[in-house]
PDB file of N, CA and C in Angstrom:
ATOM      1  N   MET A   1      36.393  25.159 -25.854  1.00  0.00           N
ATOM      2  CA  MET A   1      37.445  25.501 -25.484  1.00  0.00           C
ATOM      3  C   MET A   1      37.234  26.359 -24.177  1.00  0.00           C
ATOM      4  N   ASN A   2      37.133  26.808 -22.623  1.00  0.00           N
ATOM      5  CA  ASN A   2      37.624  27.713 -21.597  1.00  0.00           C
ATOM      6  C   ASN A   2      39.022  27.808 -21.610  1.00  0.00           C
ATOM      7  N   TYR A   3      38.810  29.508 -21.038  1.00  0.00           N
ATOM      8  CA  TYR A   3      40.247  30.357 -20.435  1.00  0.00           C
ATOM      9  C   TYR A   3      39.665  30.001 -19.233  1.00  0.00           C
ATOM     10  N   GLY A   4      41.228  30.683 -18.731  1.00  0.00           N
ATOM     11  CA  GLY A   4      40.589  31.296 -17.100  1.00  0.00           C
ATOM     12  C   GLY A   4      42.278  31.561 -16.368  1.00  0.00           C
ATOM     13  N   THR A   5      42.155  31.394 -14.882  1.00  0.00           N
ATOM     14  CA  THR A   5      43.693  31.700 -14.857  1.00  0.00           C
ATOM     15  C   THR A   5      42.819  30.843 -12.450  1.00  0.00           C
ATOM     16  N   VAL A   6      43.899  29.620 -13.071  1.00  0.00           N
ATOM     17  CA  VAL A   6      43.462  29.849 -11.529  1.00  0.00           C
ATOM     18  C   VAL A   6      44.024  30.015 -10.329  1.00  0.00           C
ATOM     19  N   LYS A   7      42.093  30.213  -9.530  1.00  0.00           N
ATOM     20  CA  LYS A   7      42.078  31.718  -8.672  1.00  0.00           C
ATOM     21  C   LYS A   7      42.947  30.603  -7.535  1.00  0.00           C
ATOM     22  N   LEU A   8      42.873  29.207  -6.701  1.00  0.00           N
ATOM     23  CA  LEU A   8      43.081  28.243  -5.496  1.00  0.00           C
ATOM     24  C   LEU A   8      43.672  26.788  -6.152  1.00  0.00           C
ATOM     25  N   TRP A   9      44.798  26.853  -5.251  1.00  0.00           N
ATOM     26  CA  TRP A   9      45.208  24.931  -5.769  1.00  0.00           C
ATOM     27  C   TRP A   9      45.519  24.996  -4.678  1.00  0.00           C
ATOM     28  N   ARG A  10      44.811  23.616  -3.616  1.00  0.00           N
ATOM     29  CA  ARG A  10      45.700  23.158  -2.870  1.00  0.00           C
ATOM     30  C   ARG A  10      45.771  21.725  -3.223  1.00  0.00           C
ATOM     31  N   ASN A  11      47.663  22.065  -3.084  1.00  0.00           N
ATOM     32  CA  ASN A  11      48.771  20.533  -3.480  1.00  0.00           C
ATOM     33  C   ASN A  11      48.582  19.766  -2.657  1.00  0.00           C
ATOM     34  N   LEU A  12      48.231  19.288  -1.714  1.00  0.00           N
ATOM     35  CA  LEU A  12      48.634  18.716  -0.923  1.00  0.00           C
ATOM     36  C   LEU A  12      46.718  17.236  -1.068  1.00  0.00           C
ATOM     37  N   GLU A  13      45.416  18.632  -0.953  1.00  0.00           N
ATOM     38  CA  GLU A  13      44.388  18.059  -1.141  1.00  0.00           C
ATOM     39  C   GLU A  13      44.183  17.485  -3.015  1.00  0.00           C
ATOM     40  N   GLY A  14      45.193  18.226  -3.672  1.00  0.00           N
ATOM     41  CA  GLY A  14      44.397  17.944  -4.436  1.00  0.00           C
ATOM     42  C   GLY A  14      42.959  18.529  -5.620  1.00  0.00           C
ATOM     43  N   TRP A  15      43.266  19.826  -5.722  1.00  0.00           N
ATOM     44  CA  TRP A  15      41.938  19.936  -5.687  1.00  0.00           C
ATOM     45  C   TRP A  15      41.944  21.703  -5.742  1.00  0.00           C
ATOM     46  N   GLY A  16      41.304  22.381  -6.910  1.00  0.00           N
ATOM     47  CA  GLY A  16      41.212  23.471  -6.493  1.00  0.00           C
ATOM     48  C   GLY A  16      39.667  24.317  -7.571  1.00  0.00           C
ATOM     49  N   PHE A  17      40.163  25.969  -7.566  1.00  0.00           N
ATOM     50  CA  PHE A  17      39.229  26.185  -8.653  1.00  0.00           C
ATOM     51  C   PHE A  17      40.002  27.759  -9.715  1.00  0.00           C
ATOM     52  N   ILE A  18      39.557  27.071 -11.313  1.00  0.00           N
ATOM     53  CA  ILE A  18      39.652  28.354 -11.533  1.00  0.00           C
ATOM     54  C   ILE A  18      38.578  29.296 -12.186  1.00  0.00           C
ATOM     55  N   GLU A  19      38.937  30.054 -12.217  1.00  0.00           N
ATOM     56  CA  GLU A  19      37.947  30.994 -12.858  1.00  0.00           C
ATOM     57  C   GLU A  19      37.789  32.097 -13.835  1.00  0.00           C
ATOM     58  N   ALA A  20      37.295  31.503 -15.140  1.00  0.00           N
ATOM     59  CA  ALA A  20      37.517  31.741 -16.089  1.00  0.00           C
ATOM     60  C   ALA A  20      36.601  33.362 -16.688  1.00  0.00           C
ATOM     61  N   LYS A  21      37.718  33.270 -17.348  1.00  0.00           N
ATOM     62  CA  LYS A  21      36.959  34.726 -18.404  1.00  0.00           C
ATOM     63  C   LYS A  21      35.700  34.971 -18.451  1.00  0.00           C
ATOM     64  N   ASP A  22      34.747  34.408 -18.054  1.00  0.00           N
ATOM     65  CA  ASP A  22      33.733  35.364 -18.302  1.00  0.00           C
ATOM     66  C   ASP A  22      33.261  35.604 -16.639  1.00  0.00           C
ATOM     67  N   GLY A  23      34.486  34.752 -15.610  1.00  0.00           N
ATOM     68  CA  GLY A  23      34.115  34.865 -14.464  1.00  0.00           C
ATOM     69  C   GLY A  23      33.452  34.246 -13.777  1.00  0.00           C
ATOM     70  N   GLU A  24      32.785  33.027 -14.284  1.00  0.00           N
ATOM     71  CA  GLU A  24      32.423  31.786 -13.819  1.00  0.00           C
ATOM     72  C   GLU A  24      33.792  31.092 -12.844  1.00  0.00           C
ATOM     73  N   GLU A  25      33.083  30.160 -11.516  1.00  0.00           N
ATOM     74  CA  GLU A  25      34.327  29.528 -11.226  1.00  0.00           C
ATOM     75  C   GLU A  25      34.379  28.046 -11.247  1.00  0.00           C
ATOM     76  N   TYR A  26      34.516  26.950 -10.933  1.00  0.00           N
ATOM     77  CA  TYR A  26      34.292  25.840 -11.594  1.00  0.00           C
ATOM     78  C   TYR A  26      35.328  25.014 -10.432  1.00  0.00           C
ATOM     79  N   PHE A  27      35.237  24.072 -10.116  1.00  0.00           N
ATOM     80  CA  PHE A  27      36.204  23.024  -8.980  1.00  0.00           C
ATOM     81  C   PHE A  27      36.934  22.255 -10.110  1.00  0.00           C
ATOM     82  N   PHE A  28      37.828  21.882  -9.904  1.00  0.00           N
ATOM     83  CA  PHE A  28      38.751  20.634 -10.681  1.00  0.00           C
ATOM     84  C   PHE A  28      39.843  20.376  -9.426  1.00  0.00           C
ATOM     85  N   ASN A  29      39.508  19.122  -9.535  1.00  0.00           N
ATOM     86  CA  ASN A  29      40.975  17.821  -9.642  1.00  0.00           C
ATOM     87  C   ASN A  29      41.945  17.351  -9.670  1.00  0.00           C
ATOM     88  N   ILE A  30      42.768  17.401  -8.997  1.00  0.00           N
ATOM     89  CA  ILE A  30      44.187  16.232 -10.133  1.00  0.00           C
ATOM     90  C   ILE A  30      43.485  15.680 -10.716  1.00  0.00           C
ATOM     91  N   SER A  31      42.561  14.317 -10.940  1.00  0.00           N
ATOM     92  CA  SER A  31      42.726  13.569 -12.049  1.00  0.00           C
ATOM     93  C   SER A  31      41.852  14.763 -13.700  1.00  0.00           C
ATOM     94  N   SER A  32      41.938  15.609 -13.081  1.00  0.00           N
ATOM     95  CA  SER A  32      41.816  16.797 -15.074  1.00  0.00           C
ATOM     96  C   SER A  32      42.545  17.601 -15.100  1.00  0.00           C
ATOM     97  N   LEU A  33      43.083  17.259 -14.937  1.00  0.00           N
ATOM     98  CA  LEU A  33      44.903  17.842 -14.863  1.00  0.00           C
ATOM     99  C   LEU A  33      45.665  16.650 -15.504  1.00  0.00           C
ATOM    100  N   ARG A  34      46.063  17.546 -17.685  1.00  0.00           N
ATOM    101  CA  ARG A  34      46.498  16.766 -18.016  1.00  0.00           C
ATOM    102  C   ARG A  34      47.681  16.115 -17.313  1.00  0.00           C
ATOM    103  N   LYS A  35      48.165  15.322 -17.648  1.00  0.00           N
ATOM    104  CA  LYS A  35      49.376  14.353 -17.714  1.00  0.00           C
ATOM    105  C   LYS A  35      51.093  15.334 -17.473  1.00  0.00           C
ATOM    106  N   GLY A  36      51.972  15.939 -16.957  1.00  0.00           N
ATOM    107  CA  GLY A  36      53.110  16.552 -16.846  1.00  0.00           C
ATOM    108  C   GLY A  36      52.502  17.653 -16.737  1.00  0.00           C
ATOM    109  N   GLN A  37      51.837  18.515 -16.264  1.00  0.00           N
ATOM    110  CA  GLN A  37      51.475  19.942 -16.018  1.00  0.00           C
ATOM    111  C   GLN A  37      51.353  20.163 -14.876  1.00  0.00           C
ATOM    112  N   ASN A  38      51.627  20.856 -14.350  1.00  0.00           N
ATOM    113  CA  ASN A  38      52.553  21.611 -12.382  1.00  0.00           C
ATOM    114  C   ASN A  38      51.440  23.460 -12.762  1.00  0.00           C
ATOM    115  N   ILE A  39      50.357  22.544 -11.436  1.00  0.00           N
ATOM    116  CA  ILE A  39      49.834  23.966 -11.970  1.00  0.00           C
ATOM    117  C   ILE A  39      49.702  25.044 -10.660  1.00  0.00           C
ATOM    118  N   ARG A  40      50.035  26.631 -10.361  1.00  0.00           N
ATOM    119  CA  ARG A  40      49.719  26.749  -9.796  1.00  0.00           C
ATOM    120  C   ARG A  40      49.005  27.607  -9.291  1.00  0.00           C
ATOM    121  N   GLU A  41      48.494  28.321  -7.966  1.00  0.00           N
ATOM    122  CA  GLU A  41      47.794  29.727  -8.191  1.00  0.00           C
ATOM    123  C   GLU A  41      47.909  30.566  -9.281  1.00  0.00           C
ATOM    124  N   HIS A  42      47.141  31.789 -10.162  1.00  0.00           N
ATOM    125  CA  HIS A  42      47.285  32.147 -10.633  1.00  0.00           C
ATOM    126  C   HIS A  42      48.018  31.968 -11.761  1.00  0.00           C
ATOM    127  N   ALA A  43      48.562  30.285 -12.349  1.00  0.00           N
ATOM    128  CA  ALA A  43      48.252  29.745 -13.250  1.00  0.00           C
ATOM    129  C   ALA A  43      47.519  29.899 -14.565  1.00  0.00           C
ATOM    130  N   ASN A  44      47.692  30.370 -16.244  1.00  0.00           N
ATOM    131  CA  ASN A  44      46.578  31.268 -16.044  1.00  0.00           C
ATOM    132  C   ASN A  44      46.500  29.180 -17.309  1.00  0.00           C
ATOM    133  N   VAL A  45      45.535  29.113 -17.962  1.00  0.00           N
ATOM    134  CA  VAL A  45      45.207  27.825 -17.762  1.00  0.00           C
ATOM    135  C   VAL A  45      43.631  27.637 -18.097  1.00  0.00           C
ATOM    136  N   LYS A  46      44.038  26.487 -19.817  1.00  0.00           N
ATOM    137  CA  LYS A  46      42.458  26.653 -21.183  1.00  0.00           C
ATOM    138  C   LYS A  46      41.965  24.530 -20.416  1.00  0.00           C
ATOM    139  N   PHE A  47      41.046  24.942 -19.852  1.00  0.00           N
ATOM    140  CA  PHE A  47      40.076  23.258 -20.236  1.00  0.00           C
ATOM    141  C   PHE A  47      38.466  23.465 -20.385  1.00  0.00           C
ATOM    142  N   ASP A  48      37.613  22.590 -20.828  1.00  0.00           N
ATOM    143  CA  ASP A  48      37.018  22.105 -20.665  1.00  0.00           C
ATOM    144  C   ASP A  48      35.871  21.227 -19.579  1.00  0.00           C
ATOM    145  N   THR A  49      34.275  21.450 -19.773  1.00  0.00           N
ATOM    146  CA  THR A  49      33.758  22.100 -18.583  1.00  0.00           C
ATOM    147  C   THR A  49      32.634  20.796 -18.778  1.00  0.00           C
ATOM    148  N   GLU A  50      32.723  19.937 -17.380  1.00  0.00           N
ATOM    149  CA  GLU A  50      31.898  18.816 -17.554  1.00  0.00           C
ATOM    150  C   GLU A  50      30.330  19.175 -16.715  1.00  0.00           C
ATOM    151  N   GLU A  51      29.071  18.990 -16.989  1.00  0.00           N
ATOM    152  CA  GLU A  51      28.096  19.128 -16.441  1.00  0.00           C
ATOM    153  C   GLU A  51      28.562  17.266 -15.309  1.00  0.00           C
ATOM    154  N   THR A  52      28.264  18.348 -13.789  1.00  0.00           N
ATOM    155  CA  THR A  52      28.043  16.282 -12.861  1.00  0.00           C
ATOM    156  C   THR A  52      27.065  16.564 -11.687  1.00  0.00           C
ATOM    157  N   SER A  53      27.315  15.705 -10.973  1.00  0.00           N
ATOM    158  CA  SER A  53      26.089  15.476  -9.224  1.00  0.00           C
ATOM    159  C   SER A  53      25.791  17.006  -9.282  1.00  0.00           C
ATOM    160  N   LYS A  54      26.965  17.791  -8.985  1.00  0.00           N
ATOM    161  CA  LYS A  54      27.539  18.744  -7.722  1.00  0.00           C
ATOM    162  C   LYS A  54      27.926  20.665  -9.071  1.00  0.00           C
ATOM    163  N   GLY A  55      27.416  20.269  -9.917  1.00  0.00           N
ATOM    164  CA  GLY A  55      27.684  21.661 -11.625  1.00  0.00           C
ATOM    165  C   GLY A  55      28.374  20.885 -11.997  1.00  0.00           C
ATOM    166  N   PRO A  56      28.758  22.139 -12.447  1.00  0.00           N
ATOM    167  CA  PRO A  56      30.101  21.730 -13.549  1.00  0.00           C
ATOM    168  C   PRO A  56      31.585  22.307 -13.497  1.00  0.00           C
ATOM    169  N   GLN A  57      32.488  21.153 -14.057  1.00  0.00           N
ATOM    170  CA  GLN A  57      33.729  20.767 -13.225  1.00  0.00           C
ATOM    171  C   GLN A  57      34.603  21.345 -14.725  1.00  0.00           C
ATOM    172  N   ALA A  58      35.879  21.396 -13.926  1.00  0.00           N
ATOM    173  CA  ALA A  58      36.671  22.186 -14.916  1.00  0.00           C
ATOM    174  C   ALA A  58      36.970  19.865 -15.403  1.00  0.00           C
ATOM    175  N   VAL A  59      37.445  20.014 -16.526  1.00  0.00           N
ATOM    176  CA  VAL A  59      38.435  18.704 -16.856  1.00  0.00           C
ATOM    177  C   VAL A  59      39.166  18.675 -17.506  1.00  0.00           C
ATOM    178  N   ASN A  60      40.371  17.941 -18.122  1.00  0.00           N
ATOM    179  CA  ASN A  60      41.475  18.729 -19.743  1.00  0.00           C
ATOM    180  C   ASN A  60      41.825  19.701 -19.247  1.00  0.00           C
ATOM    181  N   VAL A  61      42.427  20.317 -17.497  1.00  0.00           N
ATOM    182  CA  VAL A  61      43.073  21.336 -17.073  1.00  0.00           C
ATOM    183  C   VAL A  61      44.580  21.099 -17.925  1.00  0.00           C
ATOM    184  N   SER A  62      44.925  22.426 -18.658  1.00  0.00           N
ATOM    185  CA  SER A  62      46.092  22.230 -19.358  1.00  0.00           C
ATOM    186  C   SER A  62      47.113  23.506 -19.261  1.00  0.00           C
ATOM    187  N   LEU A  63      47.816  23.885 -18.813  1.00  0.00           N
ATOM    188  CA  LEU A  63      48.909  25.208 -18.860  1.00  0.00           C
ATOM    189  C   LEU A  63      48.469  25.470 -20.417  1.00  0.00           C
ATOM    190  N   THR A  64      48.437  27.290 -20.597  1.00  0.00           N
ATOM    191  CA  THR A  64      48.659  27.900 -21.557  1.00  0.00           C
ATOM    192  C   THR A  64      49.559  28.544 -21.679  1.00  0.00           C
TER     193      THR A  64
END
């Protein structure tokens, strides 16, 4: 489990970036959010990572 802050969230497009505690940035999209989560910029989140063809992405994103 990783922890970080939502650095950018584009609600209409359904994607954003999380800055992890170690400084790494991870892309995520609306399908990566746990149900019922209302994500916004600067929110503290926890997440898992998954390797994709475009690099690591955040998955199972939820508010802390």
